[in-house]
Amino acid sequence: GMNTFEVMEYWAKGIAEDAELCEWLSRTFDRPLTIYLGFDDVGRFGEEDAPYLVMSPTGEELGPEQEALSLSVMLMFGVVVHDEPARTGDIVSEPAMALMEKEFSPRVLEAIARLNPDLTPGTGEGRTYPPRNGYCERDFIVTLNIPNTINLKRNPWR
C-alpha cells in the first residue's frame, strides 16, 4: 500500500504535469504553481510564493475491521490577484477570493481527480480566509479511502 507522503508525491507529480492546469496557471498568473510537500507552518508561505499548493499529512487510520486505510491530507492554497473588485450593479465581488473559490482550488482538485479514480479524495472540508491586499489563502482537508487489498475476509473461500 501507499502511505500518505507517497500519495502526496503522486498527486504533486500529476498536478505538475497536468497540461490543462499548467496552461491555465500560465495564462492566469504568468508563472507555474509551486508545490510544497510536508510543511505544516502556513506562516512560512506568503504572496511571493503564490500561486502555491502546500500538502501535509494530517492522519492515517485503518477503517472498520481494517477493510480500508483512510488517509487525510491538508491542502493549503495561496493566490495573489491584484485586480480591482468586480462590480455588477450593487454587488461588489472580491477578486482574489472569487478566483480561489471558483477557479484555482477546483482546478487543482480536478487535476487530482484526473490522475486515478482509486486515489481521488472522497470528502473534503475547508475554509477560505479573507484576502489581504489581494493575497488569499485556503485550507482544505481531504480524506482518501484506499481499499485494503490484503483483507482475507473478502476471499471467497472464507
Protein backbone atom coordinates (compact mmCIF):
# COMPACT_ATOMS: atom_id res chain seq x y z
CA GLY A 1 0.00 0.00 0.00
CA MET A 2 0.89 3.67 -0.17
CA ASN A 3 1.48 5.86 2.81
CA THR A 4 0.27 9.44 2.97
CA PHE A 5 3.54 11.00 1.81
CA GLU A 6 3.66 8.69 -1.21
CA VAL A 7 0.10 9.69 -2.12
CA MET A 8 1.11 13.36 -1.82
CA GLU A 9 4.14 12.79 -4.06
CA TYR A 10 1.93 11.03 -6.61
CA TRP A 11 -0.59 13.89 -6.56
CA ALA A 12 2.16 16.53 -6.79
CA LYS A 13 3.73 14.89 -9.84
CA GLY A 14 0.35 14.60 -11.52
CA ILE A 15 -0.62 18.20 -10.77
CA ALA A 16 2.74 19.49 -12.00
CA GLU A 17 2.33 17.56 -15.27
CA ASP A 18 -1.36 18.32 -15.85
CA ALA A 19 -1.39 20.17 -19.18
CA GLU A 20 -4.80 21.79 -18.71
CA LEU A 21 -3.96 23.13 -15.26
CA CYS A 22 -0.47 24.31 -16.29
CA GLU A 23 -1.89 26.18 -19.26
CA TRP A 24 -4.49 27.91 -17.08
CA LEU A 25 -1.88 28.83 -14.43
CA SER A 26 0.42 30.29 -17.06
CA ARG A 27 -2.43 32.31 -18.58
CA THR A 28 -3.77 33.50 -15.22
CA PHE A 29 -0.63 34.09 -13.14
CA ASP A 30 2.14 34.09 -15.77
CA ARG A 31 4.08 31.64 -13.59
CA PRO A 32 3.82 27.97 -12.64
CA LEU A 33 2.38 26.50 -9.47
CA THR A 34 4.91 25.76 -6.73
CA ILE A 35 4.05 22.65 -4.72
CA TYR A 36 5.43 22.18 -1.21
CA LEU A 37 5.29 18.76 0.46
CA GLY A 38 5.29 18.15 4.18
CA PHE A 39 5.20 21.68 5.55
CA ASP A 40 2.70 22.48 8.27
CA ASP A 41 3.72 26.02 9.18
CA VAL A 42 1.43 28.05 6.95
CA GLY A 43 3.12 31.20 8.24
CA ARG A 44 6.21 30.41 6.19
CA PHE A 45 4.30 30.96 2.94
CA GLY A 46 3.38 34.33 1.56
CA GLU A 47 2.30 36.14 -1.53
CA GLU A 48 5.82 35.93 -3.01
CA ASP A 49 5.32 32.12 -3.16
CA ALA A 50 1.94 32.31 -4.90
CA PRO A 51 0.43 30.59 -6.68
CA TYR A 52 1.24 27.67 -4.42
CA LEU A 53 -0.11 24.43 -3.04
CA VAL A 54 1.15 23.00 0.25
CA MET A 55 0.35 19.37 1.06
CA SER A 56 0.84 17.97 4.54
CA PRO A 57 -0.28 14.68 6.11
CA THR A 58 -2.88 15.08 8.84
CA GLY A 59 -3.53 11.45 9.70
CA GLU A 60 -3.93 7.82 8.73
CA GLU A 61 -6.32 5.30 10.18
CA LEU A 62 -7.48 1.79 9.45
CA GLY A 63 -11.22 1.60 8.92
CA PRO A 64 -13.77 -0.84 10.32
CA GLU A 65 -12.25 -4.31 10.58
CA GLN A 66 -9.28 -2.89 8.69
CA GLU A 67 -11.12 -3.07 5.36
CA ALA A 68 -9.79 0.28 4.21
CA LEU A 69 -7.00 2.67 5.00
CA SER A 70 -8.13 6.25 5.43
CA LEU A 71 -5.59 8.99 4.70
CA SER A 72 -6.07 12.68 5.37
CA VAL A 73 -4.08 15.45 3.72
CA MET A 74 -4.20 19.17 4.39
CA LEU A 75 -4.07 21.21 1.19
CA MET A 76 -3.13 24.87 1.61
CA PHE A 77 -3.68 27.06 -1.42
CA GLY A 78 -2.36 30.59 -1.97
CA VAL A 79 -3.05 33.08 -4.76
CA VAL A 80 -2.44 36.75 -5.36
CA VAL A 81 -4.81 38.77 -7.52
CA HIS A 82 -4.24 42.50 -7.84
CA ASP A 83 -7.42 43.21 -9.79
CA GLU A 84 -9.97 45.83 -8.83
CA PRO A 85 -13.11 44.46 -7.17
CA ALA A 86 -15.68 43.32 -9.72
CA ARG A 87 -18.91 45.32 -9.60
CA THR A 88 -22.21 44.14 -11.04
CA GLY A 89 -24.87 46.66 -10.20
CA ASP A 90 -24.89 46.88 -6.40
CA ILE A 91 -22.90 43.65 -5.94
CA VAL A 92 -19.16 44.01 -5.40
CA SER A 93 -17.01 40.86 -5.52
CA GLU A 94 -13.51 40.40 -4.06
CA PRO A 95 -11.37 39.14 -6.97
CA ALA A 96 -8.79 37.03 -5.09
CA MET A 97 -11.40 35.09 -3.13
CA ALA A 98 -13.60 34.66 -6.20
CA LEU A 99 -10.65 33.24 -8.15
CA MET A 100 -9.68 30.95 -5.25
CA GLU A 101 -13.20 29.55 -4.79
CA LYS A 102 -14.39 29.37 -8.38
CA GLU A 103 -11.23 28.55 -10.32
CA PHE A 104 -7.95 27.85 -8.53
CA SER A 105 -8.78 25.27 -5.85
CA PRO A 106 -11.41 23.47 -8.00
CA ARG A 107 -8.92 23.19 -10.90
CA VAL A 108 -6.24 21.68 -8.66
CA LEU A 109 -8.75 19.18 -7.24
CA GLU A 110 -9.88 18.32 -10.79
CA ALA A 111 -6.25 17.64 -11.74
CA ILE A 112 -6.01 15.24 -8.78
CA ALA A 113 -9.26 13.55 -9.84
CA ARG A 114 -7.96 13.06 -13.40
CA LEU A 115 -4.98 11.06 -12.11
CA ASN A 116 -6.52 7.91 -10.75
CA PRO A 117 -10.10 7.16 -9.64
CA ASP A 118 -8.79 4.97 -6.80
CA LEU A 119 -6.66 7.81 -5.42
CA THR A 120 -9.22 10.60 -5.64
CA PRO A 121 -10.32 12.17 -2.34
CA GLY A 122 -13.82 11.19 -1.33
CA THR A 123 -14.55 14.04 1.06
CA GLY A 124 -13.13 17.41 1.90
CA GLU A 125 -13.73 20.33 4.20
CA GLY A 126 -12.08 23.68 4.29
CA ARG A 127 -12.24 27.40 4.63
CA THR A 128 -11.06 30.35 2.64
CA TYR A 129 -9.58 33.27 4.57
CA PRO A 130 -10.47 36.90 3.82
CA PRO A 131 -7.82 38.25 1.45
CA ARG A 132 -5.20 40.79 2.49
CA ASN A 133 -4.05 43.12 -0.30
CA GLY A 134 -5.07 40.62 -2.96
CA TYR A 135 -3.41 37.64 -1.21
CA CYS A 136 -5.89 34.85 -0.48
CA GLU A 137 -5.31 31.56 1.33
CA ARG A 138 -7.47 28.45 1.55
CA ASP A 139 -7.09 25.40 3.80
CA PHE A 140 -8.73 22.19 2.68
CA ILE A 141 -8.50 18.80 4.37
CA VAL A 142 -9.20 15.91 2.02
CA THR A 143 -9.76 12.31 3.01
CA LEU A 144 -8.94 9.38 0.79
CA ASN A 145 -10.09 5.82 1.42
CA ILE A 146 -7.87 3.11 -0.03
CA PRO A 147 -9.24 -0.45 0.00
CA ASN A 148 -7.09 -2.88 1.95
CA THR A 149 -6.26 -5.41 -0.76
CA ILE A 150 -4.86 -7.95 1.71
CA ASN A 151 -8.09 -8.30 3.62
CA LEU A 152 -8.69 -12.05 3.75
CA LYS A 153 -12.36 -11.66 4.70
CA ARG A 154 -13.12 -10.78 1.09
CA ASN A 155 -11.72 -14.02 -0.25
CA PRO A 156 -14.46 -16.38 -1.50
CA TRP A 157 -13.17 -19.38 0.44
CA ARG A 158 -13.86 -17.75 3.82
